[in-house]
Protein backbone atom coordinates (compact mmCIF):
# COMPACT_ATOMS: atom_id res chain seq x y z
CA UNK A 1 -26.15 -1.37 6.51
CA UNK A 2 -25.40 1.76 8.47
CA UNK A 3 -23.36 4.85 7.82
CA UNK A 4 -20.42 4.95 5.42
CA UNK A 5 -17.33 4.54 7.57
CA UNK A 6 -14.50 7.09 7.55
CA UNK A 7 -15.38 8.33 4.08
CA UNK A 8 -14.30 4.99 2.58
CA UNK A 9 -15.83 5.00 -0.88
CA UNK A 10 -14.50 4.36 -4.38
CA UNK A 11 -15.67 4.28 -7.99
CA UNK A 12 -13.76 2.31 -10.62
CA UNK A 13 -11.90 4.26 -13.30
CA UNK A 14 -14.52 3.45 -15.93
CA UNK A 15 -17.40 4.22 -13.55
CA UNK A 16 -18.83 0.69 -13.85
CA UNK A 17 -18.21 -0.41 -10.23
CA UNK A 18 -18.52 1.16 -6.79
CA UNK A 19 -17.62 0.22 -3.23
CA UNK A 20 -18.08 1.55 0.31
CA UNK A 21 -17.15 0.46 3.83
CA UNK A 22 -20.13 0.76 6.16
CA UNK A 23 -21.20 -0.03 9.71
CA UNK A 24 -23.32 -3.15 10.11
CA UNK A 25 -25.10 -1.71 13.15
CA UNK A 26 -23.71 -4.58 15.28
CA UNK A 27 -20.29 -3.07 16.07
CA UNK A 28 -18.74 -4.52 12.92
CA UNK A 29 -18.00 -3.23 9.45
CA UNK A 30 -18.96 -4.54 6.05
CA UNK A 31 -17.58 -3.98 2.58
CA UNK A 32 -20.28 -3.27 0.00
CA UNK A 33 -19.23 -3.77 -3.63
CA UNK A 34 -21.82 -3.10 -6.34
CA UNK A 35 -24.57 -3.73 -3.77
CA UNK A 36 -23.19 -7.08 -2.53
CA UNK A 37 -22.21 -7.13 1.16
CA UNK A 38 -18.94 -8.81 2.28
CA UNK A 39 -17.75 -9.37 5.84
CA UNK A 40 -18.31 -8.73 8.61
CA UNK A 41 -14.89 -7.28 9.40
CA UNK A 42 -13.72 -5.72 12.66
CA UNK A 43 -12.68 -2.49 11.01
CA UNK A 44 -12.24 -0.77 7.69
CA UNK A 45 -8.96 0.45 6.20
CA UNK A 46 -7.03 2.88 8.36
CA UNK A 47 -6.42 6.38 7.10
CA UNK A 48 -3.10 6.65 5.35
CA UNK A 49 -2.46 10.38 5.45
CA UNK A 50 -3.14 13.18 3.00
CA UNK A 51 -5.05 12.01 -0.08
CA UNK A 52 -5.63 8.58 1.48
CA UNK A 53 -7.39 6.11 -0.82
CA UNK A 54 -8.03 2.99 1.27
CA UNK A 55 -10.31 1.42 -1.39
CA UNK A 56 -8.57 1.02 -4.76
CA UNK A 57 -9.69 -0.55 -8.03
CA UNK A 58 -7.01 -2.22 -10.17
CA UNK A 59 -6.80 -2.20 -13.98
CA UNK A 60 -9.22 -5.17 -14.20
CA UNK A 61 -11.78 -3.37 -11.95
CA UNK A 62 -11.11 -5.62 -8.93
CA UNK A 63 -11.39 -3.76 -5.62
CA UNK A 64 -8.44 -4.00 -3.21
CA UNK A 65 -8.36 -2.81 0.42
CA UNK A 66 -7.04 -3.83 3.84
CA UNK A 67 -9.59 -5.32 6.26
CA UNK A 68 -9.23 -6.07 9.96
CA UNK A 69 -9.98 -9.76 10.53
CA UNK A 70 -8.89 -10.18 14.17
CA UNK A 71 -7.32 -8.12 16.94
CA UNK A 72 -4.00 -6.75 15.60
CA UNK A 73 -4.54 -8.67 12.37
CA UNK A 74 -5.18 -7.21 8.92
CA UNK A 75 -5.38 -8.84 5.50
CA UNK A 76 -5.69 -7.57 1.94
CA UNK A 77 -9.07 -8.11 0.37
CA UNK A 78 -9.66 -8.47 -3.36
CA UNK A 79 -13.32 -8.03 -4.31
CA UNK A 80 -14.35 -8.82 -0.72
CA UNK A 81 -12.34 -12.06 -0.44
CA UNK A 82 -9.14 -12.42 1.61
CA UNK A 83 -6.18 -12.29 -0.78
CA UNK A 84 -3.13 -12.16 1.52
CA UNK A 85 -1.65 -13.52 4.70
CA UNK A 86 -2.52 -11.76 7.92
CA UNK A 87 -0.18 -8.97 9.05
CA UNK A 88 -0.25 -6.36 11.80
CA UNK A 89 -1.17 -3.80 9.14
CA UNK A 90 -1.45 -3.33 5.36
CA UNK A 91 -1.38 0.22 4.04
CA UNK A 92 -0.89 2.48 1.02
CA UNK A 93 -2.41 -0.05 -1.35
CA UNK A 94 -2.21 1.18 -4.92
CA UNK A 95 -1.39 0.27 -8.48
CA UNK A 96 1.37 1.70 -10.62
CA UNK A 97 2.44 0.41 -14.04
CA UNK A 98 -0.06 -2.43 -13.60
CA UNK A 99 1.55 -3.68 -10.38
CA UNK A 100 0.03 -3.84 -6.90
CA UNK A 101 2.23 -1.87 -4.54
CA UNK A 102 1.84 -1.45 -0.80
CA UNK A 103 3.49 -1.81 2.60
CA UNK A 104 2.79 -4.18 5.48
CA UNK A 105 3.95 -4.58 9.07
CA UNK A 106 4.78 -7.97 10.56
CA UNK A 107 6.43 -8.63 13.93
CA UNK A 108 6.99 -4.89 14.32
CA UNK A 109 8.94 -4.56 11.06
CA UNK A 110 7.92 -3.09 7.69
CA UNK A 111 7.86 -4.91 4.36
CA UNK A 112 7.43 -3.42 0.89
CA UNK A 113 5.41 -5.22 -1.81
CA UNK A 114 5.26 -4.69 -5.56
CA UNK A 115 3.55 -7.29 -7.73
CA UNK A 116 4.61 -10.68 -6.35
CA UNK A 117 7.85 -9.31 -4.84
CA UNK A 118 8.45 -8.52 -1.17
CA UNK A 119 11.39 -6.77 0.51
CA UNK A 120 12.16 -6.37 4.19
CA UNK A 121 12.25 -6.33 7.10
CA UNK A 122 12.87 -2.62 7.70
CA UNK A 123 12.46 -0.42 10.78
CA UNK A 124 10.42 1.86 8.51
CA UNK A 125 9.65 1.89 4.81
CA UNK A 126 7.90 4.38 2.60
CA UNK A 127 5.50 3.85 -0.24
CA UNK A 128 7.25 2.10 -3.16
CA UNK A 129 7.46 3.53 -6.67
CA UNK A 130 7.40 1.33 -9.75
CA UNK A 131 9.03 2.32 -13.05
CA UNK A 132 6.74 2.90 -16.02
CA UNK A 133 7.75 -0.42 -17.60
CA UNK A 134 7.21 -2.28 -14.28
CA UNK A 135 10.78 -3.59 -14.16
CA UNK A 136 12.13 -1.48 -11.27
CA UNK A 137 10.87 -0.75 -7.75
CA UNK A 138 12.42 1.94 -5.54
CA UNK A 139 11.62 3.18 -2.05
CA UNK A 140 13.10 4.93 0.96
CA UNK A 141 13.56 2.91 4.15
CA UNK A 142 15.38 2.71 7.45
CA UNK A 143 17.23 -0.44 8.51
CA UNK A 144 19.76 -1.30 11.24
CA UNK A 145 22.34 0.94 9.53
CA UNK A 146 20.15 4.03 9.05
CA UNK A 147 18.23 5.72 6.25
CA UNK A 148 18.63 4.33 2.75
CA UNK A 149 17.27 4.17 -0.78
CA UNK A 150 16.42 0.68 -2.06
CA UNK A 151 16.17 -0.34 -5.71
CA UNK A 152 14.89 -3.83 -6.58
CA UNK A 153 15.71 -5.03 -3.07
CA UNK A 154 19.27 -3.70 -3.00
CA UNK A 155 20.41 -0.70 -0.90
CA UNK A 156 21.89 1.74 -3.43
CA UNK A 157 22.36 4.85 -1.29
CA UNK A 158 22.75 5.72 2.39
CA UNK A 159 22.38 9.12 3.99
CA UNK A 160 21.30 10.48 7.34
CA UNK A 161 17.99 11.93 6.13
CA UNK A 162 16.47 10.19 3.13
CA UNK A 163 13.09 11.74 2.40
CA UNK A 164 9.92 9.72 1.91
CA UNK A 165 9.40 9.77 -1.84
CA UNK A 166 11.73 8.52 -4.52
CA UNK A 167 11.26 8.29 -8.27
CA UNK A 168 12.53 5.58 -10.60
CA UNK A 169 12.90 5.54 -14.39
CA UNK A 170 12.46 2.68 -16.83
CA UNK A 171 16.26 2.43 -16.95
CA UNK A 172 16.53 2.00 -13.17
CA UNK A 173 17.79 5.50 -12.36
CA UNK A 174 16.57 6.70 -8.99
CA UNK A 175 16.04 10.28 -7.82
CA UNK A 176 15.74 10.79 -4.07
CA UNK A 177 15.88 13.78 -1.75
CA UNK A 178 18.23 13.61 1.21
CA UNK A 179 18.63 16.39 3.76
CA UNK A 180 17.46 19.01 1.27
CA UNK A 181 19.63 17.95 -1.68
CA UNK A 182 18.65 15.81 -4.64
CA UNK A 183 20.58 12.60 -5.17
CA UNK A 184 20.62 11.00 -8.62
CA UNK A 185 21.81 7.43 -8.18
CA UNK A 186 23.12 6.26 -11.54
CA UNK A 187 24.24 2.74 -12.47
């Protein structure tokens, strides 16, 4: 295989596994996990901003990443095999409290995923946060009514400028920043 593509490389937390996205030399990309080649795919994971980690190992050392399978069509891959339905985009794949968390775009709208749960559609949605015990998921989003904070699929706060990142406790308390002030949403 050819050059490593867009600095897409990962090593598992215990150092036992490795993965890279590389050019095949035929205008396609391949995913190489522990020396085994998977694909070809049309493209490798898109950059997702500062500190982007498009290739992510889970707690069982399985590699997860988005792969482009057709024009305007991406899927999640688990150890080189397709593990999700096709969407316009999958991004910000990660694990928190043992749960897969990410975002996807379908029909121009954003969806938030944590474990086997999905919420949406939203005009925009930011990376979800999972509580330490895995029971609560919170994120900032924008829907038809404006900016909001969502906890476990329910809008719990609305403001005109909800910032990207929220935090959630094991008890389901959410801390968000809106227009320069902190909002502690308590139940």
